[in-house]
Each structure stands twice: as C-alpha cells, then as structure tokens.
C-alpha cells in the first residue's frame, strides 16, 4: 500500500501558496485493509476514508467510466490494481494531476509542473469532455491564478458548449462555481473565459451580450480589488441588467436571497445612488427609506459599496469617496431619530409619516452641515 498527496494542495505548494486542505490517494489497498487500520469510511459514490488521527480524506485510487449525459453520469472502479497514473489520468487539468509521495518526490506523468511554470490550464486527456463542470472550473481557476487556457483546451470547451453538454449542469452547481469565481482575484477573467468558449450564453443567457469593457465588469474588477463581499460583487456583476433580466437570472440559478435582494434593490435605485453626490437632505432621506436602510443598515451600506465601485470603476469619474461618506452620514442621522417619540405626538398614521420624514430630513441636513 502506498499513499500520495494529490491535486490542488500539491499545485498550491509548488506555487508557494497557503494550503488549507490536503487530499490523499491510496494505491494498492482494499477498503477492508484501510478499515482494519482505523480509517473510517465516508464515501457513498466511491471509497473515501477519514484518517483515524488527522481526519483528512483518503480515497482509494480509482478510474471512472462515462455512462450517461451530464456530470453525474459516471461509474467508478476501484481495486488494488488501479495505479496512481490511472487515478491521475481522470483529473481535469495537468496542474491538478500531480502527486507527492511519502518520500516527498513529485509524480508528474502529464507535465503539470511545466504548465504551472508557464501559467497554462491544459486538460489531461480526452475524458475532459465528459464532465461539463470542468468548463466552470477552468474559468474559475483562470480567475484565481491568472492562467491562460491552452488552445486545445479552449477548443474542447467550445465543442462541449456547441454540443449542449453544459446544458446538463444543474442551477445549484452553476451558482456554486460562479460564487466561488466571483470571490477570486480576477473574477472578470472567469466571465471572459466562459464567453470565449461559448458557455456563458448557455449557463447565464441573461449575461449576453456581454463585453469586457462593460460598466459592470469594471465595477466587478473594482469590487475584487477592494476585497468586497460576495453580495456586493454579484450586484456589481449584474448592475447594468434591467430588473426583469436580473430577476430571471436569480430565479433560474436559485441565487441566495442575500445576493439576490442586494442586486435587485441596487437595480431599482442605481440612478439615485449615481446622483448621491448631488442629492439634498430630502433626497437622501427618501433614498434611505426606499432602500429600507432604517431597518437594514448593513444592507444599505452594501448598496453604497456597489455604488462606490461603479463610480470608482467608471472611466473619467471623479473620486466617489466623499459621496460614500455623505450616504453613511445620512443613514446614521436618519436612524438617530426617535420614531416612537414622534409618533406619540401625531394624530394619525399619515401625520406620523410626514413628521418622521421631516425630522429625518432635518437631522440629515444638520449632520451634513446644513447641506
């Protein structure tokens, strides 16, 4: 029995990047042998075991065979005769098809180290075409590492898109990969790769037509540069969508409510946020109220962040930081009003609403120095 560290952890170690999770492949063993050594079985589709002390995952070396369309139509085969090279051959990219033995020696049958040095994502073999998730992973890795996609790999992904293989992807998996890609160093590159291979139009038709020069891509790049949250990055990505197109995208991909709501509220109020530097106290009070900032101040500040990256990312725009401070000040002033005390002095709901608005306008004006 031999044990090898495999996959992304080997790649990241060679890139001198931090590694949080390590995966291992066991060659020349059976499930019973591992159980006898204290490993605990956890895999359902194929034998995966938890180490009795570290609780890291150890999988028996395996091969796989395509039996149905989509990314779930596989049958896995494991036995003591499956070699390490057999196991590595089923992996997606050469940079992910390396292993490190217990002696520290790198096993690299598909020249992953050469592609790592060259900054290239290259598929391992023809079986790549059998799993459409690999297109999404390719785009995400390009966004993470800034790697180029090998021409032959791009051609293969284009073929997969044209033949409809990506249509088998379920919405949850598309969103999962998209969300991870949005949080990478260069999320714009993810969309560029998906567009280039023709997959974007099939998995996110609402995002087409799309251009690297679009305002939303510049805003997304700025959000990534500032290290902003996933909801802010998603709202930036979708910032130029009309509400109907955005609603369609969110429903089809089952986008989580935190991301969906922020993007939709921004879409409805984008113009007002763009005009924030010129809004008077009354306009700011209405904007805070319309965006439910009084009850959800954290979300309102996220909306301010989306507006910020649009203004900062746009060509020829002046510094938006003063407007951001202005919106933050308006929110704080409006929330400082004692609504209960005002309500007790008014005769009816309409009068209460008018009095509250007037008080908030006055408070915002005072906080902004009478502006």
Protein backbone atom coordinates (compact mmCIF):
# COMPACT_ATOMS: atom_id res chain seq x y z
CA UNK A 1 0.00 0.00 0.00
CA UNK A 2 1.29 3.47 -0.96
CA UNK A 3 -0.13 6.86 -0.07
CA UNK A 4 0.20 10.02 -2.16
CA UNK A 5 -0.85 13.62 -1.58
CA UNK A 6 -2.70 14.69 -4.73
CA UNK A 7 -4.48 17.50 -6.53
CA UNK A 8 -4.80 21.13 -5.61
CA UNK A 9 -2.69 21.01 -2.46
CA UNK A 10 0.33 19.80 -4.46
CA UNK A 11 -0.27 22.54 -7.03
CA UNK A 12 -0.56 25.25 -4.38
CA UNK A 13 2.55 24.08 -2.54
CA UNK A 14 4.53 24.33 -5.78
CA UNK A 15 3.13 27.86 -6.22
CA UNK A 16 4.14 28.70 -2.63
CA UNK A 17 0.51 29.36 -1.76
CA UNK A 18 -1.12 28.52 1.60
CA UNK A 19 -2.80 25.13 1.76
CA UNK A 20 -5.78 24.50 3.99
CA UNK A 21 -6.96 21.07 2.83
CA UNK A 22 -4.98 18.12 1.59
CA UNK A 23 -6.35 15.12 -0.29
CA UNK A 24 -4.69 11.74 -0.48
CA UNK A 25 -4.90 8.72 -2.78
CA UNK A 26 -4.19 5.22 -1.55
CA UNK A 27 -2.75 2.80 -4.12
CA UNK A 28 -2.65 -0.97 -3.74
CA UNK A 29 -5.14 -1.30 -0.88
CA UNK A 30 -8.69 -2.51 -0.31
CA UNK A 31 -11.43 -0.97 1.83
CA UNK A 32 -11.08 -3.74 4.39
CA UNK A 33 -7.36 -3.05 4.79
CA UNK A 34 -7.97 0.63 5.49
CA UNK A 35 -10.78 -0.11 7.95
CA UNK A 36 -8.51 -2.55 9.74
CA UNK A 37 -6.01 0.31 10.21
CA UNK A 38 -8.64 2.53 11.80
CA UNK A 39 -9.76 4.57 8.79
CA UNK A 40 -13.47 5.44 8.81
CA UNK A 41 -15.43 5.07 5.53
CA UNK A 42 -17.45 8.13 4.49
CA UNK A 43 -17.78 7.91 0.70
CA UNK A 44 -21.03 6.92 -0.97
CA UNK A 45 -20.14 7.00 -4.68
CA UNK A 46 -16.61 5.65 -4.20
CA UNK A 47 -14.47 4.57 -1.24
CA UNK A 48 -13.30 7.59 0.76
CA UNK A 49 -11.96 7.26 4.30
CA UNK A 50 -11.08 9.60 7.14
CA UNK A 51 -7.67 9.20 8.74
CA UNK A 52 -8.08 7.99 12.34
CA UNK A 53 -5.98 10.85 13.74
CA UNK A 54 -5.91 13.79 11.29
CA UNK A 55 -9.42 13.17 9.88
CA UNK A 56 -8.12 14.11 6.43
CA UNK A 57 -9.69 12.37 3.42
CA UNK A 58 -8.03 9.35 1.84
CA UNK A 59 -9.56 7.90 -1.34
CA UNK A 60 -8.73 4.62 -2.97
CA UNK A 61 -7.18 5.06 -6.40
CA UNK A 62 -9.94 4.80 -8.98
CA UNK A 63 -10.88 5.06 -12.62
CA UNK A 64 -14.19 6.26 -14.00
CA UNK A 65 -16.36 5.48 -17.00
CA UNK A 66 -19.00 7.71 -18.59
CA UNK A 67 -22.43 6.05 -18.60
CA UNK A 68 -24.92 8.92 -19.03
CA UNK A 69 -25.06 12.59 -20.09
CA UNK A 70 -24.11 15.36 -17.68
CA UNK A 71 -21.63 15.49 -14.86
CA UNK A 72 -23.20 12.80 -12.66
CA UNK A 73 -23.32 10.03 -15.24
CA UNK A 74 -20.18 8.16 -14.14
CA UNK A 75 -19.38 4.72 -12.80
CA UNK A 76 -16.27 4.47 -10.63
CA UNK A 77 -13.98 1.47 -10.38
CA UNK A 78 -11.56 0.80 -7.53
CA UNK A 79 -9.37 -2.17 -6.72
CA UNK A 80 -5.82 -2.82 -5.62
CA UNK A 81 -4.69 -2.94 -9.25
CA UNK A 82 -5.56 0.67 -10.10
CA UNK A 83 -2.31 2.63 -10.42
CA UNK A 84 -1.53 6.18 -9.39
CA UNK A 85 -1.19 7.13 -13.08
CA UNK A 86 -4.65 5.65 -13.74
CA UNK A 87 -6.09 7.81 -10.98
CA UNK A 88 -4.33 10.99 -12.11
CA UNK A 89 -5.49 10.44 -15.71
CA UNK A 90 -9.12 11.10 -14.74
CA UNK A 91 -8.35 14.57 -13.35
CA UNK A 92 -9.22 17.80 -15.12
CA UNK A 93 -6.02 19.80 -15.69
CA UNK A 94 -2.37 18.87 -15.76
CA UNK A 95 -1.65 21.28 -12.90
CA UNK A 96 -4.12 19.29 -10.78
CA UNK A 97 -2.81 15.89 -11.90
CA UNK A 98 0.33 15.78 -9.80
CA UNK A 99 1.07 13.77 -6.69
CA UNK A 100 3.64 13.84 -3.92
CA UNK A 101 4.86 10.57 -2.44
CA UNK A 102 5.58 9.99 1.22
CA UNK A 103 9.26 10.47 0.33
CA UNK A 104 8.48 13.99 -0.96
CA UNK A 105 9.09 13.13 -4.62
CA UNK A 106 6.65 14.69 -7.12
CA UNK A 107 4.94 12.29 -9.51
CA UNK A 108 4.02 14.24 -12.65
CA UNK A 109 3.09 11.98 -15.58
CA UNK A 110 1.28 14.73 -17.54
CA UNK A 111 3.85 17.57 -17.25
CA UNK A 112 1.80 19.62 -14.83
CA UNK A 113 4.91 21.35 -13.48
CA UNK A 114 5.76 22.68 -16.93
CA UNK A 115 2.24 24.08 -17.34
CA UNK A 116 2.42 25.52 -13.84
CA UNK A 117 5.60 27.39 -14.70
CA UNK A 118 4.07 28.58 -17.98
CA UNK A 119 0.79 29.59 -16.34
CA UNK A 120 -1.37 27.37 -18.56
CA UNK A 121 -4.55 25.40 -17.90
CA UNK A 122 -4.39 22.30 -20.11
CA UNK A 123 -6.75 19.32 -19.95
CA UNK A 124 -5.24 15.96 -19.07
CA UNK A 125 -7.00 13.83 -21.65
CA UNK A 126 -9.98 13.26 -23.90
CA UNK A 127 -12.15 12.31 -20.90
CA UNK A 128 -12.28 16.03 -20.04
CA UNK A 129 -15.22 16.37 -22.42
CA UNK A 130 -17.32 14.03 -20.32
CA UNK A 131 -17.76 16.43 -17.38
CA UNK A 132 -19.19 19.92 -18.12
CA UNK A 133 -18.39 21.17 -14.60
CA UNK A 134 -14.79 21.31 -15.79
CA UNK A 135 -15.64 24.28 -18.01
CA UNK A 136 -16.77 26.23 -14.95
CA UNK A 137 -13.72 25.09 -13.01
CA UNK A 138 -11.44 26.17 -15.84
CA UNK A 139 -12.95 29.65 -15.82
CA UNK A 140 -12.68 29.83 -12.03
CA UNK A 141 -9.04 28.71 -12.00
CA UNK A 142 -8.25 31.29 -14.69
CA UNK A 143 -9.78 33.92 -12.39
CA UNK A 144 -7.79 32.66 -9.40
CA UNK A 145 -4.36 32.23 -10.92
CA UNK A 146 -4.48 34.45 -13.99
CA UNK A 147 -3.51 31.45 -16.13
CA UNK A 148 -4.12 31.22 -19.86
CA UNK A 149 -6.24 28.41 -21.28
CA UNK A 150 -4.38 26.15 -23.69
CA UNK A 151 -5.75 26.50 -27.26
CA UNK A 152 -6.63 22.81 -27.47
CA UNK A 153 -8.47 23.02 -24.14
CA UNK A 154 -10.39 26.09 -25.26
CA UNK A 155 -11.34 24.29 -28.49
CA UNK A 156 -12.57 21.31 -26.48
CA UNK A 157 -14.67 23.52 -24.20
CA UNK A 158 -16.12 25.29 -27.22
CA UNK A 159 -17.12 21.92 -28.65
CA UNK A 160 -18.75 20.94 -25.34
CA UNK A 161 -20.76 24.15 -25.39
CA UNK A 162 -21.83 23.74 -29.00
CA UNK A 163 -22.92 20.14 -28.42
CA UNK A 164 -25.02 21.14 -25.41
CA UNK A 165 -23.09 19.17 -22.82
CA UNK A 166 -23.19 22.18 -20.46
CA UNK A 167 -27.00 22.12 -20.58
CA UNK A 168 -26.87 19.20 -18.15
CA UNK A 169 -25.50 21.40 -15.37
CA UNK A 170 -27.99 21.94 -12.56
CA UNK A 171 -28.57 25.56 -11.41
CA UNK A 172 -27.14 24.97 -7.95
CA UNK A 173 -23.80 23.81 -9.37
CA UNK A 174 -23.60 26.74 -11.77
CA UNK A 175 -24.21 29.16 -8.91
CA UNK A 176 -21.72 27.36 -6.67
CA UNK A 177 -18.93 27.73 -9.22
CA UNK A 178 -19.98 31.27 -10.13
CA UNK A 179 -20.00 32.35 -6.49
CA UNK A 180 -16.54 30.91 -5.94
CA UNK A 181 -15.30 32.55 -9.12
CA UNK A 182 -16.73 35.92 -8.11
CA UNK A 183 -14.58 35.77 -4.98
CA UNK A 184 -11.36 35.07 -6.88
CA UNK A 185 -8.63 37.63 -7.51
CA UNK A 186 -9.77 38.43 -11.08
CA UNK A 187 -13.46 37.47 -11.43
CA UNK A 188 -13.76 39.33 -14.74
CA UNK A 189 -11.47 36.70 -16.24
CA UNK A 190 -13.95 33.98 -15.33
CA UNK A 191 -16.63 35.59 -17.48
CA UNK A 192 -14.14 36.21 -20.28
CA UNK A 193 -13.26 32.51 -20.45
CA UNK A 194 -16.91 31.46 -20.33
CA UNK A 195 -17.75 33.86 -23.13
CA UNK A 196 -14.80 32.78 -25.25
CA UNK A 197 -15.78 29.10 -25.16
CA UNK A 198 -19.49 29.81 -25.71
CA UNK A 199 -20.59 28.51 -22.31
CA UNK A 200 -21.75 31.88 -20.92
CA UNK A 201 -24.69 32.08 -23.31
CA UNK A 202 -25.85 28.63 -22.21
CA UNK A 203 -25.40 28.78 -18.44
CA UNK A 204 -26.14 32.51 -18.00
CA UNK A 205 -28.04 33.75 -21.06
CA UNK A 206 -29.06 36.87 -19.15
CA UNK A 207 -25.41 37.97 -19.23
CA UNK A 208 -25.30 38.04 -23.04
CA UNK A 209 -24.49 40.19 -24.92
CA UNK A 210 -21.50 40.84 -22.70
CA UNK A 211 -18.29 42.78 -23.12
CA UNK A 212 -15.06 43.06 -21.17
CA UNK A 213 -15.49 46.85 -21.46
CA UNK A 214 -18.97 46.89 -19.93
CA UNK A 215 -19.50 49.09 -16.88
CA UNK A 216 -20.48 46.09 -14.75
CA UNK A 217 -17.17 44.36 -15.46
CA UNK A 218 -15.22 47.45 -14.46
CA UNK A 219 -17.28 47.67 -11.26
CA UNK A 220 -16.71 43.98 -10.55
CA UNK A 221 -12.97 44.40 -11.02
CA UNK A 222 -13.01 47.30 -8.57
CA UNK A 223 -15.03 45.29 -6.03
CA UNK A 224 -12.48 42.47 -6.24
CA UNK A 225 -9.61 44.93 -5.89
CA UNK A 226 -11.19 46.28 -2.69
CA UNK A 227 -11.86 42.76 -1.35
CA UNK A 228 -15.62 43.33 -1.03
CA UNK A 229 -18.22 40.69 -0.16
CA UNK A 230 -19.92 38.19 -2.45
CA UNK A 231 -23.30 40.05 -2.43
CA UNK A 232 -21.55 43.29 -3.44
CA UNK A 233 -19.60 41.54 -6.20
CA UNK A 234 -22.74 39.86 -7.53
CA UNK A 235 -24.64 43.17 -7.51
CA UNK A 236 -21.71 44.78 -9.35
CA UNK A 237 -21.69 41.97 -11.94
CA UNK A 238 -25.44 42.42 -12.52
CA UNK A 239 -25.51 46.18 -12.10
CA UNK A 240 -26.32 47.01 -15.72
CA UNK A 241 -29.06 44.38 -16.02
CA UNK A 242 -32.65 45.54 -16.15
CA UNK A 243 -34.80 44.27 -13.32
CA UNK A 244 -36.59 41.61 -15.39
CA UNK A 245 -33.34 40.12 -16.68
CA UNK A 246 -31.83 40.15 -13.20
CA UNK A 247 -34.93 38.52 -11.71
CA UNK A 248 -34.76 35.80 -14.36
CA UNK A 249 -31.10 35.09 -13.62
CA UNK A 250 -31.68 34.91 -9.87
CA UNK A 251 -34.68 32.61 -10.19
CA UNK A 252 -33.03 30.25 -12.67
CA UNK A 253 -29.76 29.92 -10.76
CA UNK A 254 -31.53 30.00 -7.38
CA UNK A 255 -29.28 32.78 -6.19
CA UNK A 256 -29.30 33.08 -2.37
CA UNK A 257 -31.56 35.81 -1.04
CA UNK A 258 -28.73 37.97 0.35
CA UNK A 259 -27.16 38.28 -3.10
CA UNK A 260 -30.47 38.47 -4.97
CA UNK A 261 -32.02 41.18 -2.79
CA UNK A 262 -28.96 43.41 -2.83
CA UNK A 263 -28.69 43.21 -6.61
CA UNK A 264 -32.41 43.86 -7.17
CA UNK A 265 -32.55 46.84 -4.78
CA UNK A 266 -29.48 48.32 -6.45
CA UNK A 267 -31.03 47.81 -9.90
CA UNK A 268 -34.14 49.72 -8.80
CA UNK A 269 -32.15 52.57 -7.26
CA UNK A 270 -28.98 52.73 -9.34
CA UNK A 271 -29.75 56.16 -10.74
CA UNK A 272 -30.42 57.64 -7.30
CA UNK A 273 -27.14 56.25 -5.97
CA UNK A 274 -25.30 57.60 -9.00
CA UNK A 275 -26.75 61.03 -8.21
CA UNK A 276 -25.93 60.77 -4.49
CA UNK A 277 -23.24 63.50 -4.60
CA UNK A 278 -25.92 65.98 -5.74
CA UNK A 279 -28.85 64.81 -3.59
CA UNK A 280 -30.06 67.22 -0.92
CA UNK A 281 -31.11 66.12 2.56
CA UNK A 282 -34.67 65.33 1.43
CA UNK A 283 -33.41 63.21 -1.46
CA UNK A 284 -31.04 61.32 0.81
CA UNK A 285 -33.81 60.68 3.31
CA UNK A 286 -36.04 59.28 0.56
CA UNK A 287 -33.22 57.05 -0.70
CA UNK A 288 -32.56 55.63 2.77
CA UNK A 289 -36.28 55.00 3.26
CA UNK A 290 -36.79 53.47 -0.20
CA UNK A 291 -33.93 51.02 0.33
CA UNK A 292 -35.18 50.04 3.81
CA UNK A 293 -31.95 51.36 5.28
CA UNK A 294 -33.61 52.19 8.59
CA UNK A 295 -34.35 48.53 9.29
CA UNK A 296 -31.40 47.02 7.41
CA UNK A 297 -28.49 49.45 7.73
CA UNK A 298 -25.83 46.85 6.89
CA UNK A 299 -27.50 46.11 3.58
CA UNK A 300 -27.80 49.82 2.82
CA UNK A 301 -24.06 50.21 3.36
CA UNK A 302 -23.52 47.31 0.95
CA UNK A 303 -25.62 49.20 -1.59
CA UNK A 304 -23.38 52.20 -1.01
CA UNK A 305 -20.39 49.95 -1.71
CA UNK A 306 -21.92 48.85 -5.03
CA UNK A 307 -22.47 52.48 -5.99
CA UNK A 308 -18.90 53.23 -4.97
CA UNK A 309 -17.34 50.59 -7.23
CA UNK A 310 -19.46 51.73 -10.16
CA UNK A 311 -18.33 55.32 -9.76
CA UNK A 312 -14.70 54.44 -8.99
CA UNK A 313 -14.52 51.89 -11.79
CA UNK A 314 -16.03 54.12 -14.46
CA UNK A 315 -13.68 55.91 -16.82
CA UNK A 316 -13.32 59.62 -16.25
CA UNK A 317 -15.18 59.55 -12.90
CA UNK A 318 -14.04 61.73 -10.03
CA UNK A 319 -13.41 60.39 -6.55
CA UNK A 320 -16.64 58.98 -5.05
CA UNK A 321 -15.37 58.67 -1.51
CA UNK A 322 -16.95 61.95 -0.41
CA UNK A 323 -20.33 60.71 -1.68
CA UNK A 324 -19.88 57.45 0.23
CA UNK A 325 -19.26 59.40 3.42
CA UNK A 326 -22.30 61.53 2.64
CA UNK A 327 -24.55 58.46 2.34
CA UNK A 328 -23.14 56.93 5.51
CA UNK A 329 -23.75 60.16 7.39
CA UNK A 330 -27.31 60.38 6.07
CA UNK A 331 -28.06 56.82 7.19
CA UNK A 332 -26.68 57.41 10.68
CA UNK A 333 -28.59 60.67 11.08
CA UNK A 334 -31.88 59.18 9.87
CA UNK A 335 -31.55 56.21 12.20
CA UNK A 336 -30.89 58.53 15.12
CA UNK A 337 -34.45 59.85 15.09
CA UNK A 338 -36.70 58.54 17.89
CA UNK A 339 -39.64 57.34 15.81
CA UNK A 340 -41.67 56.30 18.86
CA UNK A 341 -41.46 59.72 20.46
CA UNK A 342 -42.56 61.44 17.27
CA UNK A 343 -45.43 59.00 16.71
CA UNK A 344 -46.88 59.74 20.14
CA UNK A 345 -47.27 63.42 19.21
CA UNK A 346 -49.18 62.85 15.95
CA UNK A 347 -52.93 62.26 15.45
CA UNK A 348 -52.89 59.69 12.61
CA UNK A 349 -50.57 57.43 10.54
CA UNK A 350 -50.30 59.94 7.68
CA UNK A 351 -49.21 62.69 10.04
CA UNK A 352 -46.73 60.33 11.69
CA UNK A 353 -45.13 59.52 8.33
CA UNK A 354 -44.86 63.19 7.39
CA UNK A 355 -43.41 64.16 10.75
CA UNK A 356 -40.86 61.33 10.66
CA UNK A 357 -39.73 62.31 7.18
CA UNK A 358 -39.38 65.96 8.18
CA UNK A 359 -37.39 65.03 11.27
CA UNK A 360 -35.06 62.81 9.27
CA UNK A 361 -34.52 65.48 6.62
CA UNK A 362 -33.66 67.99 9.34
CA UNK A 363 -31.30 65.56 11.07
CA UNK A 364 -29.52 64.73 7.81
CA UNK A 365 -29.18 68.39 6.91
CA UNK A 366 -27.66 69.17 10.31
CA UNK A 367 -25.27 66.19 10.06
CA UNK A 368 -24.12 67.37 6.65
CA UNK A 369 -23.51 70.86 7.90
CA UNK A 370 -26.76 72.33 6.57
CA UNK A 371 -26.28 70.93 3.06
